Amino acid sequence: MKITSAQAAKVLRHLNDELRTLQIREQNSKSFVAALQEDPESVRPEYNYSEMQKAQAETELKIRKVRHAINVFNTTTVIPEFGVTIDELLVYMPQLSKQINKLSEMKNALPKVRERGLGVQGSNIIDYRYANYDIEQAEKDYNELSDKLARAQTALDLINNTVEMEIDI
């Protein structure tokens, strides 16, 4: 079956939900309690061990196939605008986010700030903290990296929603 990465992610979510449902059903029906005066057959839940194991194994196999196909797709599909694979971009994007967060703080700094409580008690000496970098450059870098992250997210979304992979499930 040919599907996009976005569709594969939905299939994977569905399969994981299906597996959870099977596991919960098994948990709820693999054993039961009957009072001494009750006929156990009248309260026995429907449960077939072999069928349940088979159903779970089949679902787990489908999950493995979909995850493998997504992994192969991510490690072999190159994002043209960036010249890297999806896998590399997925590592790069959090790094960009971290740099953007740091630069956000740096671009909002004042060139000179009075420090509080660092002087000796009763002293008339006032301490100042000075920015030891070009605040305007930090803001410029912040804007460039923010734009780059937005372009990366858009490029990734485009690939995930248009390029198809083959999955045999």
Protein backbone atom coordinates (compact mmCIF):
# COMPACT_ATOMS: atom_id res chain seq x y z
CA MET A 1 0.00 0.00 0.00
CA LYS A 2 1.33 3.48 -0.88
CA ILE A 3 0.77 6.12 1.79
CA THR A 4 2.36 9.34 2.98
CA SER A 5 4.27 9.63 6.22
CA ALA A 6 1.38 11.59 7.74
CA GLN A 7 -1.03 8.81 6.78
CA ALA A 8 1.39 6.20 8.14
CA ALA A 9 1.47 8.04 11.47
CA LYS A 10 -2.34 7.84 11.61
CA VAL A 11 -2.24 4.13 10.75
CA LEU A 12 0.34 3.62 13.49
CA ARG A 13 -1.84 5.45 16.04
CA HIS A 14 -4.80 3.29 15.01
CA LEU A 15 -2.76 0.08 15.34
CA ASN A 16 -1.44 1.11 18.76
CA ASP A 17 -5.02 1.83 19.88
CA GLU A 18 -6.08 -1.55 18.52
CA LEU A 19 -3.27 -3.29 20.44
CA ARG A 20 -4.17 -1.44 23.66
CA THR A 21 -7.79 -2.49 23.22
CA LEU A 22 -6.79 -6.13 22.77
CA GLN A 23 -4.53 -5.97 25.83
CA ILE A 24 -7.27 -4.40 27.96
CA ARG A 25 -9.80 -6.97 26.77
CA GLU A 26 -7.37 -9.75 27.63
CA GLN A 27 -6.69 -8.25 31.06
CA ASN A 28 -10.42 -8.02 31.73
CA SER A 29 -11.31 -11.52 30.53
CA LYS A 30 -8.32 -13.81 31.12
CA SER A 31 -9.52 -14.55 34.64
CA PHE A 32 -12.76 -14.03 36.51
CA VAL A 33 -14.26 -14.34 39.95
CA ALA A 34 -17.30 -16.41 40.77
CA ALA A 35 -18.98 -16.78 44.13
CA LEU A 36 -19.02 -20.25 45.65
CA GLN A 37 -22.79 -20.58 45.11
CA GLU A 38 -22.58 -19.38 41.45
CA ASP A 39 -22.17 -21.55 38.41
CA PRO A 40 -18.76 -20.40 37.00
CA GLU A 41 -20.00 -20.95 33.46
CA SER A 42 -22.77 -18.40 33.96
CA VAL A 43 -20.25 -15.61 34.71
CA ARG A 44 -17.33 -16.77 32.56
CA PRO A 45 -16.33 -13.99 30.12
CA GLU A 46 -15.69 -14.93 26.52
CA TYR A 47 -11.96 -15.48 26.09
CA ASN A 48 -9.89 -17.63 23.78
CA TYR A 49 -6.22 -17.66 24.72
CA SER A 50 -4.92 -18.78 21.31
CA GLU A 51 -7.02 -16.32 19.34
CA MET A 52 -6.07 -13.46 21.64
CA GLN A 53 -2.34 -14.20 21.36
CA LYS A 54 -2.67 -14.49 17.59
CA ALA A 55 -4.58 -11.19 17.30
CA GLN A 56 -2.00 -9.36 19.43
CA ALA A 57 0.91 -10.86 17.50
CA GLU A 58 -0.66 -9.86 14.17
CA THR A 59 -1.21 -6.30 15.38
CA GLU A 60 2.34 -6.08 16.76
CA LEU A 61 3.70 -7.29 13.40
CA LYS A 62 1.74 -4.56 11.59
CA ILE A 63 3.10 -1.98 14.06
CA ARG A 64 6.66 -3.15 13.40
CA LYS A 65 6.16 -2.96 9.64
CA VAL A 66 4.71 0.55 9.77
CA ARG A 67 7.37 1.82 12.19
CA HIS A 68 10.11 0.28 10.06
CA ALA A 69 8.70 1.85 6.89
CA ILE A 70 8.55 5.25 8.61
CA ASN A 71 12.12 4.84 9.88
CA VAL A 72 13.41 3.87 6.43
CA PHE A 73 11.49 6.78 4.90
CA ASN A 74 12.94 9.21 7.46
CA THR A 75 16.51 7.99 6.97
CA THR A 76 16.42 7.94 3.17
CA THR A 77 14.18 10.84 2.16
CA VAL A 78 16.12 14.07 1.65
CA ILE A 79 14.55 17.47 2.27
CA PRO A 80 15.71 19.36 -0.85
CA GLU A 81 15.70 22.83 0.74
CA PHE A 82 18.08 21.68 3.46
CA GLY A 83 20.01 18.88 1.79
CA VAL A 84 19.51 16.55 4.77
CA THR A 85 17.32 13.54 5.47
CA ILE A 86 14.14 13.82 7.49
CA ASP A 87 15.94 11.99 10.30
CA GLU A 88 18.69 14.61 10.39
CA LEU A 89 16.14 17.42 10.23
CA LEU A 90 14.26 15.89 13.17
CA VAL A 91 17.49 16.14 15.18
CA TYR A 92 18.30 19.63 13.87
CA MET A 93 14.90 21.21 14.62
CA PRO A 94 15.12 20.83 18.44
CA GLN A 95 18.67 22.20 18.25
CA LEU A 96 17.34 25.23 16.37
CA SER A 97 14.59 25.65 18.96
CA LYS A 98 17.13 25.61 21.77
CA GLN A 99 19.27 28.23 20.01
CA ILE A 100 16.19 30.36 19.35
CA ASN A 101 15.23 30.24 23.04
CA LYS A 102 18.73 31.32 24.05
CA LEU A 103 18.79 34.13 21.49
CA SER A 104 15.33 35.27 22.59
CA GLU A 105 16.72 35.94 26.04
CA MET A 106 19.85 37.58 24.66
CA LYS A 107 18.00 39.87 22.22
CA ASN A 108 15.76 41.12 25.03
CA ALA A 109 18.67 41.98 27.34
CA LEU A 110 19.54 45.56 28.18
CA PRO A 111 23.08 46.77 27.44
CA LYS A 112 23.52 47.78 31.09
CA VAL A 113 21.55 46.54 34.11
CA ARG A 114 21.94 47.41 37.77
CA GLU A 115 22.66 44.35 39.90
CA ARG A 116 20.75 43.94 43.13
CA GLY A 117 22.14 42.80 46.41
CA LEU A 118 25.70 42.17 45.26
CA GLY A 119 27.28 45.14 46.99
CA VAL A 120 28.48 45.12 50.59
CA GLN A 121 25.74 46.03 53.10
CA GLY A 122 25.69 49.76 53.68
CA SER A 123 28.07 50.37 50.78
CA ASN A 124 27.44 53.11 48.26
CA ILE A 125 29.01 51.02 45.49
CA ILE A 126 26.57 50.09 42.74
CA ASP A 127 27.31 47.11 40.49
CA TYR A 128 26.20 46.90 36.88
CA ARG A 129 25.96 43.93 34.54
CA TYR A 130 26.92 44.73 30.95
CA ALA A 131 25.98 42.77 27.86
CA ASN A 132 29.24 41.44 26.46
CA TYR A 133 27.85 40.96 22.94
CA ASP A 134 26.06 42.90 20.21
CA ILE A 135 22.36 42.81 21.16
CA GLU A 136 21.32 43.84 17.65
CA GLN A 137 23.29 40.90 16.20
CA ALA A 138 21.58 38.56 18.67
CA GLU A 139 18.21 39.86 17.47
CA LYS A 140 19.23 39.45 13.82
CA ASP A 141 20.42 35.88 14.49
CA TYR A 142 17.19 35.17 16.39
CA ASN A 143 15.09 36.30 13.42
CA GLU A 144 17.19 34.29 10.94
CA LEU A 145 16.99 31.10 13.00
CA SER A 146 13.25 31.56 13.61
CA ASP A 147 12.70 31.87 9.87
CA LYS A 148 14.91 28.83 9.25
CA LEU A 149 12.94 26.75 11.77
CA ALA A 150 9.65 27.81 10.18
CA ARG A 151 10.99 26.86 6.73
CA ALA A 152 12.18 23.50 8.10
CA GLN A 153 8.77 22.77 9.64
CA THR A 154 7.00 23.72 6.41
CA ALA A 155 9.37 21.63 4.28
CA LEU A 156 8.91 18.65 6.60
CA ASP A 157 5.12 19.03 6.57
CA LEU A 158 5.14 19.18 2.77
CA ILE A 159 7.20 15.98 2.46
CA ASN A 160 5.17 14.18 5.12
CA ASN A 161 1.91 15.04 3.35
CA THR A 162 2.90 14.52 -0.29
CA VAL A 163 5.71 11.97 -0.71
CA GLU A 164 4.51 8.38 -0.53
CA MET A 165 6.19 5.26 0.80
CA GLU A 166 5.34 1.61 0.30
CA ILE A 167 4.08 -0.32 3.33
CA ASP A 168 3.14 -3.98 3.18
CA ILE A 169 0.66 -4.61 6.01
